[in-house]
């Protein structure tokens, strides 16, 4: 059993080390690596065609997103770079669940791998 007197210096040392934060100041400072793609979901309209505003709880989340940033691409078995299939500004269809969430302020973003995207929406 360890004495409390031995643990006290460790507790004092923790007070001297500042806490690590992962909060980003701006989403522009985030650069995806390899075949990862940074996207932001497109918010569904809360106003109907007749002008009635819907509560947020009744609005369904869309599976459409806008590509904000793209990594340089993954590597194949021979070590050659495979370019991603989308570019920043593209509109894509994403799975309902998945991706790695990234929160900056009140905005939510997600990181997906290139092969996880379902489709590219051509407008």
PDB file of N, CA and C in Angstrom:
ATOM      1  N   UNK A   1       0.843  -1.177   0.000  1.00  0.00           N
ATOM      2  CA  UNK A   1       0.000   0.000   0.000  1.00  0.00           C
ATOM      3  C   UNK A   1       0.888   1.239   0.000  1.00  0.00           C
ATOM      4  N   UNK A   2       0.511   2.239  -0.812  1.00  0.00           N
ATOM      5  CA  UNK A   2       1.314   3.442  -0.964  1.00  0.00           C
ATOM      6  C   UNK A   2       0.868   4.490   0.056  1.00  0.00           C
ATOM      7  N   UNK A   3       1.826   5.086   0.678  1.00  0.00           N
ATOM      8  CA  UNK A   3       1.543   6.111   1.682  1.00  0.00           C
ATOM      9  C   UNK A   3       1.055   7.390   1.001  1.00  0.00           C
ATOM     10  N   UNK A   4       0.165   8.114   1.670  1.00  0.00           N
ATOM     11  CA  UNK A   4      -0.345   9.386   1.127  1.00  0.00           C
ATOM     12  C   UNK A   4       0.760  10.427   1.061  1.00  0.00           C
ATOM     13  N   UNK A   5       1.764  10.318   1.922  1.00  0.00           N
ATOM     14  CA  UNK A   5       2.878  11.265   1.905  1.00  0.00           C
ATOM     15  C   UNK A   5       3.683  11.133   0.616  1.00  0.00           C
ATOM     16  N   UNK A   6       3.746   9.924   0.055  1.00  0.00           N
ATOM     17  CA  UNK A   6       4.470   9.724  -1.192  1.00  0.00           C
ATOM     18  C   UNK A   6       3.700  10.303  -2.386  1.00  0.00           C
ATOM     19  N   UNK A   7       2.380  10.309  -2.326  1.00  0.00           N
ATOM     20  CA  UNK A   7       1.562  10.800  -3.431  1.00  0.00           C
ATOM     21  C   UNK A   7       1.420  12.315  -3.438  1.00  0.00           C
ATOM     22  N   UNK A   8       1.657  12.967  -2.323  1.00  0.00           N
ATOM     23  CA  UNK A   8       1.482  14.414  -2.217  1.00  0.00           C
ATOM     24  C   UNK A   8       2.388  15.184  -3.187  1.00  0.00           C
ATOM     25  N   UNK A   9       3.682  14.845  -3.370  1.00  0.00           N
ATOM     26  CA  UNK A   9       4.502  15.577  -4.348  1.00  0.00           C
ATOM     27  C   UNK A   9       3.972  15.439  -5.781  1.00  0.00           C
ATOM     28  N   UNK A  10       3.390  14.306  -6.113  1.00  0.00           N
ATOM     29  CA  UNK A  10       2.821  14.105  -7.433  1.00  0.00           C
ATOM     30  C   UNK A  10       1.636  15.038  -7.651  1.00  0.00           C
ATOM     31  N   UNK A  11       0.792  15.196  -6.653  1.00  0.00           N
ATOM     32  CA  UNK A  11      -0.350  16.106  -6.760  1.00  0.00           C
ATOM     33  C   UNK A  11       0.126  17.547  -6.915  1.00  0.00           C
ATOM     34  N   UNK A  12       1.201  17.935  -6.226  1.00  0.00           N
ATOM     35  CA  UNK A  12       1.740  19.289  -6.361  1.00  0.00           C
ATOM     36  C   UNK A  12       2.328  19.501  -7.753  1.00  0.00           C
ATOM     37  N   UNK A  13       2.928  18.471  -8.328  1.00  0.00           N
ATOM     38  CA  UNK A  13       3.508  18.568  -9.656  1.00  0.00           C
ATOM     39  C   UNK A  13       2.426  18.772 -10.716  1.00  0.00           C
ATOM     40  N   UNK A  14       1.268  18.138 -10.557  1.00  0.00           N
ATOM     41  CA  UNK A  14       0.165  18.283 -11.513  1.00  0.00           C
ATOM     42  C   UNK A  14      -0.345  19.720 -11.567  1.00  0.00           C
ATOM     43  N   UNK A  15      -0.263  20.447 -10.466  1.00  0.00           N
ATOM     44  CA  UNK A  15      -0.707  21.835 -10.435  1.00  0.00           C
ATOM     45  C   UNK A  15       0.199  22.732 -11.265  1.00  0.00           C
ATOM     46  N   UNK A  16       1.470  22.353 -11.415  1.00  0.00           N
ATOM     47  CA  UNK A  16       2.423  23.161 -12.160  1.00  0.00           C
ATOM     48  C   UNK A  16       2.304  22.970 -13.672  1.00  0.00           C
ATOM     49  N   UNK A  17       1.812  21.818 -14.100  1.00  0.00           N
ATOM     50  CA  UNK A  17       1.710  21.525 -15.534  1.00  0.00           C
ATOM     51  C   UNK A  17       0.364  22.036 -16.040  1.00  0.00           C
ATOM     52  N   UNK A  18       0.357  22.918 -17.053  1.00  0.00           N
ATOM     53  CA  UNK A  18      -0.920  23.423 -17.565  1.00  0.00           C
ATOM     54  C   UNK A  18      -1.701  22.330 -18.281  1.00  0.00           C
ATOM     55  N   UNK A  19      -3.015  22.432 -18.256  1.00  0.00           N
ATOM     56  CA  UNK A  19      -3.877  21.447 -18.904  1.00  0.00           C
ATOM     57  C   UNK A  19      -3.800  21.604 -20.412  1.00  0.00           C
ATOM     58  N   UNK A  20      -3.777  20.488 -21.137  1.00  0.00           N
ATOM     59  CA  UNK A  20      -3.759  20.505 -22.595  1.00  0.00           C
ATOM     60  C   UNK A  20      -5.172  20.781 -23.101  1.00  0.00           C
ATOM     61  N   UNK A  21      -5.300  21.696 -24.049  1.00  0.00           N
ATOM     62  CA  UNK A  21      -6.596  21.955 -24.645  1.00  0.00           C
ATOM     63  C   UNK A  21      -6.531  21.618 -26.124  1.00  0.00           C
ATOM     64  N   UNK A  22      -7.637  21.114 -26.662  1.00  0.00           N
ATOM     65  CA  UNK A  22      -7.705  20.774 -28.077  1.00  0.00           C
ATOM     66  C   UNK A  22      -8.625  21.727 -28.826  1.00  0.00           C
ATOM     67  N   UNK A  23      -9.062  22.782 -28.179  1.00  0.00           N
ATOM     68  CA  UNK A  23      -9.967  23.728 -28.824  1.00  0.00           C
ATOM     69  C   UNK A  23      -9.228  24.498 -29.910  1.00  0.00           C
ATOM     70  N   UNK A  24      -9.827  24.560 -31.074  1.00  0.00           N
ATOM     71  CA  UNK A  24      -9.255  25.295 -32.195  1.00  0.00           C
ATOM     72  C   UNK A  24      -9.793  26.715 -32.196  1.00  0.00           C
ATOM     73  N   UNK A  25      -8.971  27.655 -32.603  1.00  0.00           N
ATOM     74  CA  UNK A  25      -9.409  29.046 -32.708  1.00  0.00           C
ATOM     75  C   UNK A  25     -10.216  29.252 -33.981  1.00  0.00           C
ATOM     76  N   UNK A  26      -9.805  28.576 -35.063  1.00  0.00           N
ATOM     77  CA  UNK A  26     -10.470  28.719 -36.352  1.00  0.00           C
ATOM     78  C   UNK A  26     -10.398  27.397 -37.084  1.00  0.00           C
ATOM     79  N   UNK A  27     -11.427  27.085 -37.853  1.00  0.00           N
ATOM     80  CA  UNK A  27     -11.432  25.836 -38.611  1.00  0.00           C
ATOM     81  C   UNK A  27     -10.403  25.889 -39.723  1.00  0.00           C
ATOM     82  N   UNK A  28      -9.982  27.080 -40.129  1.00  0.00           N
ATOM     83  CA  UNK A  28      -8.973  27.221 -41.177  1.00  0.00           C
ATOM     84  C   UNK A  28      -7.607  26.710 -40.726  1.00  0.00           C
ATOM     85  N   UNK A  29      -7.402  26.575 -39.423  1.00  0.00           N
ATOM     86  CA  UNK A  29      -6.120  26.079 -38.924  1.00  0.00           C
ATOM     87  C   UNK A  29      -6.054  24.554 -38.937  1.00  0.00           C
ATOM     88  N   UNK A  30      -7.114  23.899 -39.371  1.00  0.00           N
ATOM     89  CA  UNK A  30      -7.165  22.440 -39.405  1.00  0.00           C
ATOM     90  C   UNK A  30      -6.908  21.952 -40.830  1.00  0.00           C
ATOM     91  N   UNK A  31      -5.840  21.188 -41.016  1.00  0.00           N
ATOM     92  CA  UNK A  31      -5.489  20.633 -42.330  1.00  0.00           C
ATOM     93  C   UNK A  31      -5.592  19.116 -42.261  1.00  0.00           C
ATOM     94  N   UNK A  32      -6.528  18.503 -42.989  1.00  0.00           N
ATOM     95  CA  UNK A  32      -6.675  17.049 -42.963  1.00  0.00           C
ATOM     96  C   UNK A  32      -5.418  16.351 -43.500  1.00  0.00           C
ATOM     97  N   UNK A  33      -5.128  15.180 -42.955  1.00  0.00           N
ATOM     98  CA  UNK A  33      -3.981  14.388 -43.385  1.00  0.00           C
ATOM     99  C   UNK A  33      -4.442  13.224 -44.259  1.00  0.00           C
ATOM    100  N   UNK A  34      -3.538  12.745 -45.108  1.00  0.00           N
ATOM    101  CA  UNK A  34      -3.752  11.584 -45.973  1.00  0.00           C
ATOM    102  C   UNK A  34      -5.064  11.701 -46.750  1.00  0.00           C
ATOM    103  N   UNK A  35      -5.961  10.722 -46.614  1.00  0.00           N
ATOM    104  CA  UNK A  35      -7.187  10.733 -47.403  1.00  0.00           C
ATOM    105  C   UNK A  35      -8.387  11.258 -46.625  1.00  0.00           C
ATOM    106  N   UNK A  36      -8.134  12.033 -45.588  1.00  0.00           N
ATOM    107  CA  UNK A  36      -9.238  12.566 -44.789  1.00  0.00           C
ATOM    108  C   UNK A  36      -9.800  13.839 -45.420  1.00  0.00           C
ATOM    109  N   UNK A  37     -11.106  14.032 -45.203  1.00  0.00           N
ATOM    110  CA  UNK A  37     -11.816  15.159 -45.794  1.00  0.00           C
ATOM    111  C   UNK A  37     -12.617  15.845 -44.702  1.00  0.00           C
ATOM    112  N   UNK A  38     -12.442  17.166 -44.579  1.00  0.00           N
ATOM    113  CA  UNK A  38     -13.163  17.964 -43.587  1.00  0.00           C
ATOM    114  C   UNK A  38     -14.450  18.456 -44.227  1.00  0.00           C
ATOM    115  N   UNK A  39     -15.589  18.138 -43.594  1.00  0.00           N
ATOM    116  CA  UNK A  39     -16.886  18.536 -44.141  1.00  0.00           C
ATOM    117  C   UNK A  39     -17.705  19.255 -43.077  1.00  0.00           C
ATOM    118  N   UNK A  40     -18.700  20.004 -43.539  1.00  0.00           N
ATOM    119  CA  UNK A  40     -19.690  20.612 -42.649  1.00  0.00           C
ATOM    120  C   UNK A  40     -21.061  20.254 -43.190  1.00  0.00           C
ATOM    121  N   UNK A  41     -21.886  19.653 -42.332  1.00  0.00           N
ATOM    122  CA  UNK A  41     -23.238  19.270 -42.741  1.00  0.00           C
ATOM    123  C   UNK A  41     -24.032  20.508 -43.139  1.00  0.00           C
ATOM    124  N   UNK A  42     -24.863  20.340 -44.149  1.00  0.00           N
ATOM    125  CA  UNK A  42     -25.760  21.415 -44.566  1.00  0.00           C
ATOM    126  C   UNK A  42     -26.983  21.352 -43.670  1.00  0.00           C
ATOM    127  N   UNK A  43     -27.324  22.466 -43.074  1.00  0.00           N
ATOM    128  CA  UNK A  43     -28.455  22.510 -42.151  1.00  0.00           C
ATOM    129  C   UNK A  43     -29.767  22.512 -42.931  1.00  0.00           C
ATOM    130  N   UNK A  44     -30.731  21.759 -42.435  1.00  0.00           N
ATOM    131  CA  UNK A  44     -32.045  21.682 -43.072  1.00  0.00           C
ATOM    132  C   UNK A  44     -32.802  22.992 -42.843  1.00  0.00           C
ATOM    133  N   UNK A  45     -33.665  23.313 -43.785  1.00  0.00           N
ATOM    134  CA  UNK A  45     -34.471  24.528 -43.674  1.00  0.00           C
ATOM    135  C   UNK A  45     -35.452  24.393 -42.505  1.00  0.00           C
ATOM    136  N   UNK A  46     -35.561  25.437 -41.715  1.00  0.00           N
ATOM    137  CA  UNK A  46     -36.507  25.433 -40.598  1.00  0.00           C
ATOM    138  C   UNK A  46     -37.780  26.184 -40.959  1.00  0.00           C
ATOM    139  N   UNK A  47     -37.860  26.637 -42.209  1.00  0.00           N
ATOM    140  CA  UNK A  47     -39.027  27.372 -42.673  1.00  0.00           C
ATOM    141  C   UNK A  47     -39.648  26.609 -43.839  1.00  0.00           C
ATOM    142  N   UNK A  48     -40.948  26.376 -43.775  1.00  0.00           N
ATOM    143  CA  UNK A  48     -41.636  25.666 -44.846  1.00  0.00           C
ATOM    144  C   UNK A  48     -41.881  26.601 -46.026  1.00  0.00           C
ATOM    145  N   UNK A  49     -42.348  26.037 -47.129  1.00  0.00           N
ATOM    146  CA  UNK A  49     -42.628  26.833 -48.327  1.00  0.00           C
ATOM    147  C   UNK A  49     -43.714  27.874 -48.075  1.00  0.00           C
ATOM    148  N   UNK A  50     -44.631  27.581 -47.166  1.00  0.00           N
ATOM    149  CA  UNK A  50     -45.705  28.533 -46.869  1.00  0.00           C
ATOM    150  C   UNK A  50     -45.304  29.564 -45.817  1.00  0.00           C
ATOM    151  N   UNK A  51     -44.072  29.494 -45.306  1.00  0.00           N
ATOM    152  CA  UNK A  51     -43.580  30.504 -44.370  1.00  0.00           C
ATOM    153  C   UNK A  51     -43.684  30.148 -42.900  1.00  0.00           C
ATOM    154  N   UNK A  52     -44.043  28.911 -42.591  1.00  0.00           N
ATOM    155  CA  UNK A  52     -44.168  28.482 -41.193  1.00  0.00           C
ATOM    156  C   UNK A  52     -42.804  28.021 -40.703  1.00  0.00           C
ATOM    157  N   UNK A  53     -42.389  28.509 -39.530  1.00  0.00           N
ATOM    158  CA  UNK A  53     -41.119  28.091 -38.936  1.00  0.00           C
ATOM    159  C   UNK A  53     -41.319  26.828 -38.121  1.00  0.00           C
ATOM    160  N   UNK A  54     -40.424  25.857 -38.332  1.00  0.00           N
ATOM    161  CA  UNK A  54     -40.484  24.582 -37.620  1.00  0.00           C
ATOM    162  C   UNK A  54     -39.515  24.594 -36.446  1.00  0.00           C
ATOM    163  N   UNK A  55     -39.881  23.923 -35.332  1.00  0.00           N
ATOM    164  CA  UNK A  55     -38.920  23.819 -34.220  1.00  0.00           C
ATOM    165  C   UNK A  55     -37.757  22.918 -34.629  1.00  0.00           C
ATOM    166  N   UNK A  56     -36.582  23.165 -34.049  1.00  0.00           N
ATOM    167  CA  UNK A  56     -35.385  22.399 -34.400  1.00  0.00           C
ATOM    168  C   UNK A  56     -35.541  20.915 -34.113  1.00  0.00           C
ATOM    169  N   UNK A  57     -36.360  20.567 -33.116  1.00  0.00           N
ATOM    170  CA  UNK A  57     -36.526  19.157 -32.769  1.00  0.00           C
ATOM    171  C   UNK A  57     -37.259  18.379 -33.861  1.00  0.00           C
ATOM    172  N   UNK A  58     -38.052  19.056 -34.681  1.00  0.00           N
ATOM    173  CA  UNK A  58     -38.808  18.351 -35.723  1.00  0.00           C
ATOM    174  C   UNK A  58     -38.097  18.369 -37.076  1.00  0.00           C
ATOM    175  N   UNK A  59     -36.982  19.102 -37.175  1.00  0.00           N
ATOM    176  CA  UNK A  59     -36.248  19.172 -38.437  1.00  0.00           C
ATOM    177  C   UNK A  59     -35.266  18.008 -38.499  1.00  0.00           C
ATOM    178  N   UNK A  60     -35.357  17.230 -39.587  1.00  0.00           N
ATOM    179  CA  UNK A  60     -34.493  16.058 -39.774  1.00  0.00           C
ATOM    180  C   UNK A  60     -33.118  16.515 -40.266  1.00  0.00           C
ATOM    181  N   UNK A  61     -32.069  15.872 -39.770  1.00  0.00           N
ATOM    182  CA  UNK A  61     -30.701  16.202 -40.178  1.00  0.00           C
ATOM    183  C   UNK A  61     -30.448  15.659 -41.576  1.00  0.00           C
ATOM    184  N   UNK A  62     -29.898  16.506 -42.435  1.00  0.00           N
ATOM    185  CA  UNK A  62     -29.621  16.108 -43.813  1.00  0.00           C
ATOM    186  C   UNK A  62     -28.328  15.305 -43.904  1.00  0.00           C
ATOM    187  N   UNK A  63     -28.242  14.466 -44.923  1.00  0.00           N
ATOM    188  CA  UNK A  63     -27.023  13.699 -45.172  1.00  0.00           C
ATOM    189  C   UNK A  63     -26.174  14.366 -46.240  1.00  0.00           C
ATOM    190  N   UNK A  64     -26.402  15.646 -46.463  1.00  0.00           N
ATOM    191  CA  UNK A  64     -25.615  16.406 -47.418  1.00  0.00           C
ATOM    192  C   UNK A  64     -24.625  17.268 -46.661  1.00  0.00           C
ATOM    193  N   UNK A  65     -23.464  17.469 -47.272  1.00  0.00           N
ATOM    194  CA  UNK A  65     -22.426  18.267 -46.615  1.00  0.00           C
ATOM    195  C   UNK A  65     -21.612  19.001 -47.662  1.00  0.00           C
ATOM    196  N   UNK A  66     -20.935  20.050 -47.215  1.00  0.00           N
ATOM    197  CA  UNK A  66     -20.045  20.834 -48.065  1.00  0.00           C
ATOM    198  C   UNK A  66     -18.607  20.488 -47.670  1.00  0.00           C
ATOM    199  N   UNK A  67     -17.756  20.221 -48.647  1.00  0.00           N
ATOM    200  CA  UNK A  67     -16.346  19.899 -48.401  1.00  0.00           C
ATOM    201  C   UNK A  67     -15.598  21.206 -48.137  1.00  0.00           C
ATOM    202  N   UNK A  68     -14.909  21.278 -47.002  1.00  0.00           N
ATOM    203  CA  UNK A  68     -14.163  22.478 -46.635  1.00  0.00           C
ATOM    204  C   UNK A  68     -12.673  22.348 -46.927  1.00  0.00           C
ATOM    205  N   UNK A  69     -12.119  21.168 -46.662  1.00  0.00           N
ATOM    206  CA  UNK A  69     -10.684  20.941 -46.880  1.00  0.00           C
ATOM    207  C   UNK A  69     -10.454  19.468 -47.203  1.00  0.00           C
ATOM    208  N   UNK A  70      -9.414  19.215 -47.976  1.00  0.00           N
ATOM    209  CA  UNK A  70      -9.096  17.859 -48.421  1.00  0.00           C
ATOM    210  C   UNK A  70      -7.618  17.588 -48.162  1.00  0.00           C
ATOM    211  N   UNK A  71      -7.321  16.407 -47.654  1.00  0.00           N
ATOM    212  CA  UNK A  71      -5.935  16.003 -47.449  1.00  0.00           C
ATOM    213  C   UNK A  71      -5.261  15.698 -48.778  1.00  0.00           C
ATOM    214  N   UNK A  72      -3.946  15.469 -48.772  1.00  0.00           N
ATOM    215  CA  UNK A  72      -3.219  15.226 -50.016  1.00  0.00           C
ATOM    216  C   UNK A  72      -3.539  13.882 -50.665  1.00  0.00           C
ATOM    217  N   UNK A  73      -4.130  12.962 -49.933  1.00  0.00           N
ATOM    218  CA  UNK A  73      -4.470  11.644 -50.474  1.00  0.00           C
ATOM    219  C   UNK A  73      -3.688  10.548 -49.786  1.00  0.00           C
ATOM    220  N   UNK A  74      -4.246   9.361 -49.824  1.00  0.00           N
ATOM    221  CA  UNK A  74      -3.592   8.210 -49.207  1.00  0.00           C
ATOM    222  C   UNK A  74      -2.561   7.594 -50.133  1.00  0.00           C
ATOM    223  N   UNK A  75      -1.903   6.560 -49.644  1.00  0.00           N
ATOM    224  CA  UNK A  75      -0.888   5.849 -50.425  1.00  0.00           C
ATOM    225  C   UNK A  75      -1.395   4.453 -50.769  1.00  0.00           C
ATOM    226  N   UNK A  76      -1.131   4.002 -52.009  1.00  0.00           N
ATOM    227  CA  UNK A  76      -1.520   2.654 -52.383  1.00  0.00           C
ATOM    228  C   UNK A  76      -0.404   1.674 -51.994  1.00  0.00           C
ATOM    229  N   UNK A  77      -0.535   0.424 -52.407  1.00  0.00           N
ATOM    230  CA  UNK A  77       0.436  -0.610 -52.020  1.00  0.00           C
ATOM    231  C   UNK A  77       1.834  -0.356 -52.566  1.00  0.00           C
ATOM    232  N   UNK A  78       1.919   0.325 -53.706  1.00  0.00           N
ATOM    233  CA  UNK A  78       3.224   0.628 -54.300  1.00  0.00           C
ATOM    234  C   UNK A  78       3.817   1.917 -53.749  1.00  0.00           C
ATOM    235  N   UNK A  79       3.088   2.605 -52.881  1.00  0.00           N
ATOM    236  CA  UNK A  79       3.584   3.852 -52.295  1.00  0.00           C
ATOM    237  C   UNK A  79       3.254   5.078 -53.115  1.00  0.00           C
ATOM    238  N   UNK A  80       2.415   4.937 -54.136  1.00  0.00           N
ATOM    239  CA  UNK A  80       2.017   6.074 -54.965  1.00  0.00           C
ATOM    240  C   UNK A  80       0.827   6.781 -54.330  1.00  0.00           C
ATOM    241  N   UNK A  81       0.809   8.085 -54.470  1.00  0.00           N
ATOM    242  CA  UNK A  81      -0.253   8.909 -53.884  1.00  0.00           C
ATOM    243  C   UNK A  81      -1.543   8.751 -54.686  1.00  0.00           C
ATOM    244  N   UNK A  82      -2.653   8.465 -53.980  1.00  0.00           N
ATOM    245  CA  UNK A  82      -3.977   8.363 -54.599  1.00  0.00           C
ATOM    246  C   UNK A  82      -4.719   9.652 -54.272  1.00  0.00           C
ATOM    247  N   UNK A  83      -5.013  10.445 -55.289  1.00  0.00           N
ATOM    248  CA  UNK A  83      -5.661  11.738 -55.053  1.00  0.00           C
ATOM    249  C   UNK A  83      -7.108  11.535 -54.628  1.00  0.00           C
ATOM    250  N   UNK A  84      -7.607  12.369 -53.713  1.00  0.00           N
ATOM    251  CA  UNK A  84      -9.008  12.269 -53.277  1.00  0.00           C
ATOM    252  C   UNK A  84      -9.969  12.558 -54.429  1.00  0.00           C
ATOM    253  N   UNK A  85     -11.178  12.040 -54.320  1.00  0.00           N
ATOM    254  CA  UNK A  85     -12.163  12.173 -55.386  1.00  0.00           C
ATOM    255  C   UNK A  85     -12.973  13.466 -55.302  1.00  0.00           C
ATOM    256  N   UNK A  86     -12.764  14.265 -54.275  1.00  0.00           N
ATOM    257  CA  UNK A  86     -13.491  15.524 -54.123  1.00  0.00           C
ATOM    258  C   UNK A  86     -12.506  16.675 -53.925  1.00  0.00           C
ATOM    259  N   UNK A  87     -12.997  17.883 -54.118  1.00  0.00           N
ATOM    260  CA  UNK A  87     -12.199  19.087 -53.900  1.00  0.00           C
ATOM    261  C   UNK A  87     -12.962  20.020 -52.980  1.00  0.00           C
ATOM    262  N   UNK A  88     -12.290  20.965 -52.329  1.00  0.00           N
ATOM    263  CA  UNK A  88     -13.005  21.915 -51.473  1.00  0.00           C
ATOM    264  C   UNK A  88     -14.083  22.659 -52.256  1.00  0.00           C
ATOM    265  N   UNK A  89     -15.256  22.782 -51.652  1.00  0.00           N
ATOM    266  CA  UNK A  89     -16.384  23.442 -52.293  1.00  0.00           C
ATOM    267  C   UNK A  89     -17.397  22.464 -52.857  1.00  0.00           C
ATOM    268  N   UNK A  90     -17.012  21.185 -53.020  1.00  0.00           N
ATOM    269  CA  UNK A  90     -17.947  20.185 -53.543  1.00  0.00           C
ATOM    270  C   UNK A  90     -19.036  19.888 -52.519  1.00  0.00           C
ATOM    271  N   UNK A  91     -20.182  19.456 -53.034  1.00  0.00           N
ATOM    272  CA  UNK A  91     -21.289  19.021 -52.188  1.00  0.00           C
ATOM    273  C   UNK A  91     -21.304  17.498 -52.251  1.00  0.00           C
ATOM    274  N   UNK A  92     -21.371  16.834 -51.095  1.00  0.00           N
ATOM    275  CA  UNK A  92     -21.287  15.374 -51.041  1.00  0.00           C
ATOM    276  C   UNK A  92     -22.416  14.792 -50.207  1.00  0.00           C
ATOM    277  N   UNK A  93     -22.671  13.519 -50.426  1.00  0.00           N
ATOM    278  CA  UNK A  93     -23.631  12.758 -49.643  1.00  0.00           C
ATOM    279  C   UNK A  93     -22.832  11.922 -48.655  1.00  0.00           C
ATOM    280  N   UNK A  94     -23.159  12.024 -47.370  1.00  0.00           N
ATOM    281  CA  UNK A  94     -22.401  11.327 -46.332  1.00  0.00           C
ATOM    282  C   UNK A  94     -23.298  10.340 -45.594  1.00  0.00           C
ATOM    283  N   UNK A  95     -22.709   9.339 -44.941  1.00  0.00           N
ATOM    284  CA  UNK A  95     -23.523   8.415 -44.152  1.00  0.00           C
ATOM    285  C   UNK A  95     -24.144   9.129 -42.954  1.00  0.00           C
ATOM    286  N   UNK A  96     -25.260   8.594 -42.480  1.00  0.00           N
ATOM    287  CA  UNK A  96     -25.958   9.225 -41.358  1.00  0.00           C
ATOM    288  C   UNK A  96     -25.097   9.228 -40.098  1.00  0.00           C
ATOM    289  N   UNK A  97     -24.357   8.147 -39.881  1.00  0.00           N
ATOM    290  CA  UNK A  97     -23.479   8.053 -38.718  1.00  0.00           C
ATOM    291  C   UNK A  97     -22.056   7.841 -39.205  1.00  0.00           C
ATOM    292  N   UNK A  98     -21.106   8.236 -38.401  1.00  0.00           N
ATOM    293  CA  UNK A  98     -19.710   8.013 -38.753  1.00  0.00           C
ATOM    294  C   UNK A  98     -18.944   9.307 -38.789  1.00  0.00           C
ATOM    295  N   UNK A  99     -17.701   9.212 -39.158  1.00  0.00           N
ATOM    296  CA  UNK A  99     -16.836  10.379 -39.180  1.00  0.00           C
ATOM    297  C   UNK A  99     -16.344  10.721 -37.783  1.00  0.00           C
ATOM    298  N   UNK A 100     -15.353  11.578 -37.736  1.00  0.00           N
ATOM    299  CA  UNK A 100     -14.806  12.042 -36.462  1.00  0.00           C
ATOM    300  C   UNK A 100     -15.268  13.476 -36.249  1.00  0.00           C
ATOM    301  N   UNK A 101     -16.077  13.715 -35.214  1.00  0.00           N
ATOM    302  CA  UNK A 101     -16.590  15.074 -35.006  1.00  0.00           C
ATOM    303  C   UNK A 101     -15.507  16.036 -34.520  1.00  0.00           C
ATOM    304  N   UNK A 102     -15.578  17.263 -35.011  1.00  0.00           N
ATOM    305  CA  UNK A 102     -14.681  18.336 -34.606  1.00  0.00           C
ATOM    306  C   UNK A 102     -15.564  19.538 -34.292  1.00  0.00           C
ATOM    307  N   UNK A 103     -15.412  20.093 -33.103  1.00  0.00           N
ATOM    308  CA  UNK A 103     -16.241  21.230 -32.719  1.00  0.00           C
ATOM    309  C   UNK A 103     -15.357  22.457 -32.536  1.00  0.00           C
ATOM    310  N   UNK A 104     -15.732  23.528 -33.222  1.00  0.00           N
ATOM    311  CA  UNK A 104     -15.027  24.801 -33.113  1.00  0.00           C
ATOM    312  C   UNK A 104     -16.070  25.843 -32.757  1.00  0.00           C
ATOM    313  N   UNK A 105     -16.010  26.337 -31.533  1.00  0.00           N
ATOM    314  CA  UNK A 105     -17.034  27.272 -31.065  1.00  0.00           C
ATOM    315  C   UNK A 105     -18.377  26.568 -31.021  1.00  0.00           C
ATOM    316  N   UNK A 106     -19.370  27.136 -31.691  1.00  0.00           N
ATOM    317  CA  UNK A 106     -20.692  26.517 -31.754  1.00  0.00           C
ATOM    318  C   UNK A 106     -20.881  25.669 -33.003  1.00  0.00           C
ATOM    319  N   UNK A 107     -19.942  25.749 -33.936  1.00  0.00           N
ATOM    320  CA  UNK A 107     -20.062  25.026 -35.198  1.00  0.00           C
ATOM    321  C   UNK A 107     -19.507  23.610 -35.067  1.00  0.00           C
ATOM    322  N   UNK A 108     -20.166  22.665 -35.746  1.00  0.00           N
ATOM    323  CA  UNK A 108     -19.706  21.277 -35.743  1.00  0.00           C
ATOM    324  C   UNK A 108     -19.279  20.876 -37.143  1.00  0.00           C
ATOM    325  N   UNK A 109     -18.146  20.204 -37.225  1.00  0.00           N
ATOM    326  CA  UNK A 109     -17.580  19.716 -38.470  1.00  0.00           C
ATOM    327  C   UNK A 109     -17.294  18.232 -38.292  1.00  0.00           C
ATOM    328  N   UNK A 110     -16.972  17.554 -39.378  1.00  0.00           N
ATOM    329  CA  UNK A 110     -16.623  16.131 -39.304  1.00  0.00           C
ATOM    330  C   UNK A 110     -15.476  15.832 -40.247  1.00  0.00           C
ATOM    331  N   UNK A 111     -14.673  14.861 -39.851  1.00  0.00           N
ATOM    332  CA  UNK A 111     -13.600  14.352 -40.701  1.00  0.00           C
ATOM    333  C   UNK A 111     -13.984  12.954 -41.164  1.00  0.00           C
ATOM    334  N   UNK A 112     -14.032  12.770 -42.479  1.00  0.00           N
ATOM    335  CA  UNK A 112     -14.319  11.471 -43.072  1.00  0.00           C
ATOM    336  C   UNK A 112     -13.141  11.053 -43.927  1.00  0.00           C
ATOM    337  N   UNK A 113     -12.988   9.755 -44.136  1.00  0.00           N
ATOM    338  CA  UNK A 113     -12.025   9.262 -45.110  1.00  0.00           C
ATOM    339  C   UNK A 113     -12.690   9.322 -46.482  1.00  0.00           C
ATOM    340  N   UNK A 114     -11.887   9.420 -47.518  1.00  0.00           N
ATOM    341  CA  UNK A 114     -12.408   9.557 -48.871  1.00  0.00           C
ATOM    342  C   UNK A 114     -13.342   8.405 -49.238  1.00  0.00           C
ATOM    343  N   UNK A 115     -12.998   7.174 -48.861  1.00  0.00           N
ATOM    344  CA  UNK A 115     -13.820   6.027 -49.232  1.00  0.00           C
ATOM    345  C   UNK A 115     -15.120   5.946 -48.425  1.00  0.00           C
ATOM    346  N   UNK A 116     -15.273   6.732 -47.351  1.00  0.00           N
ATOM    347  CA  UNK A 116     -16.499   6.722 -46.562  1.00  0.00           C
ATOM    348  C   UNK A 116     -17.586   7.612 -47.161  1.00  0.00           C
ATOM    349  N   UNK A 117     -17.225   8.540 -48.024  1.00  0.00           N
ATOM    350  CA  UNK A 117     -18.215   9.406 -48.662  1.00  0.00           C
ATOM    351  C   UNK A 117     -19.054   8.557 -49.618  1.00  0.00           C
ATOM    352  N   UNK A 118     -20.360   8.798 -49.645  1.00  0.00           N
ATOM    353  CA  UNK A 118     -21.259   7.969 -50.438  1.00  0.00           C
ATOM    354  C   UNK A 118     -21.350   8.425 -51.892  1.00  0.00           C
ATOM    355  N   UNK A 119     -21.402   9.741 -52.110  1.00  0.00           N
ATOM    356  CA  UNK A 119     -21.553  10.246 -53.469  1.00  0.00           C
ATOM    357  C   UNK A 119     -21.166  11.716 -53.517  1.00  0.00           C
ATOM    358  N   UNK A 120     -20.837  12.159 -54.732  1.00  0.00           N
ATOM    359  CA  UNK A 120     -20.579  13.566 -54.993  1.00  0.00           C
ATOM    360  C   UNK A 120     -21.807  14.112 -55.703  1.00  0.00           C
ATOM    361  N   UNK A 121     -22.342  15.236 -55.218  1.00  0.00           N
ATOM    362  CA  UNK A 121     -23.556  15.809 -55.795  1.00  0.00           C
ATOM    363  C   UNK A 121     -23.141  16.859 -56.816  1.00  0.00           C
ATOM    364  N   UNK A 122     -23.468  16.607 -58.076  1.00  0.00           N
ATOM    365  CA  UNK A 122     -23.150  17.550 -59.147  1.00  0.00           C
ATOM    366  C   UNK A 122     -24.352  18.472 -59.371  1.00  0.00           C
ATOM    367  N   UNK A 123     -24.139  19.758 -59.229  1.00  0.00           N
ATOM    368  CA  UNK A 123     -25.238  20.711 -59.415  1.00  0.00           C
ATOM    369  C   UNK A 123     -25.023  21.534 -60.655  1.00  0.00           C
TER     370      UNK A 123
END
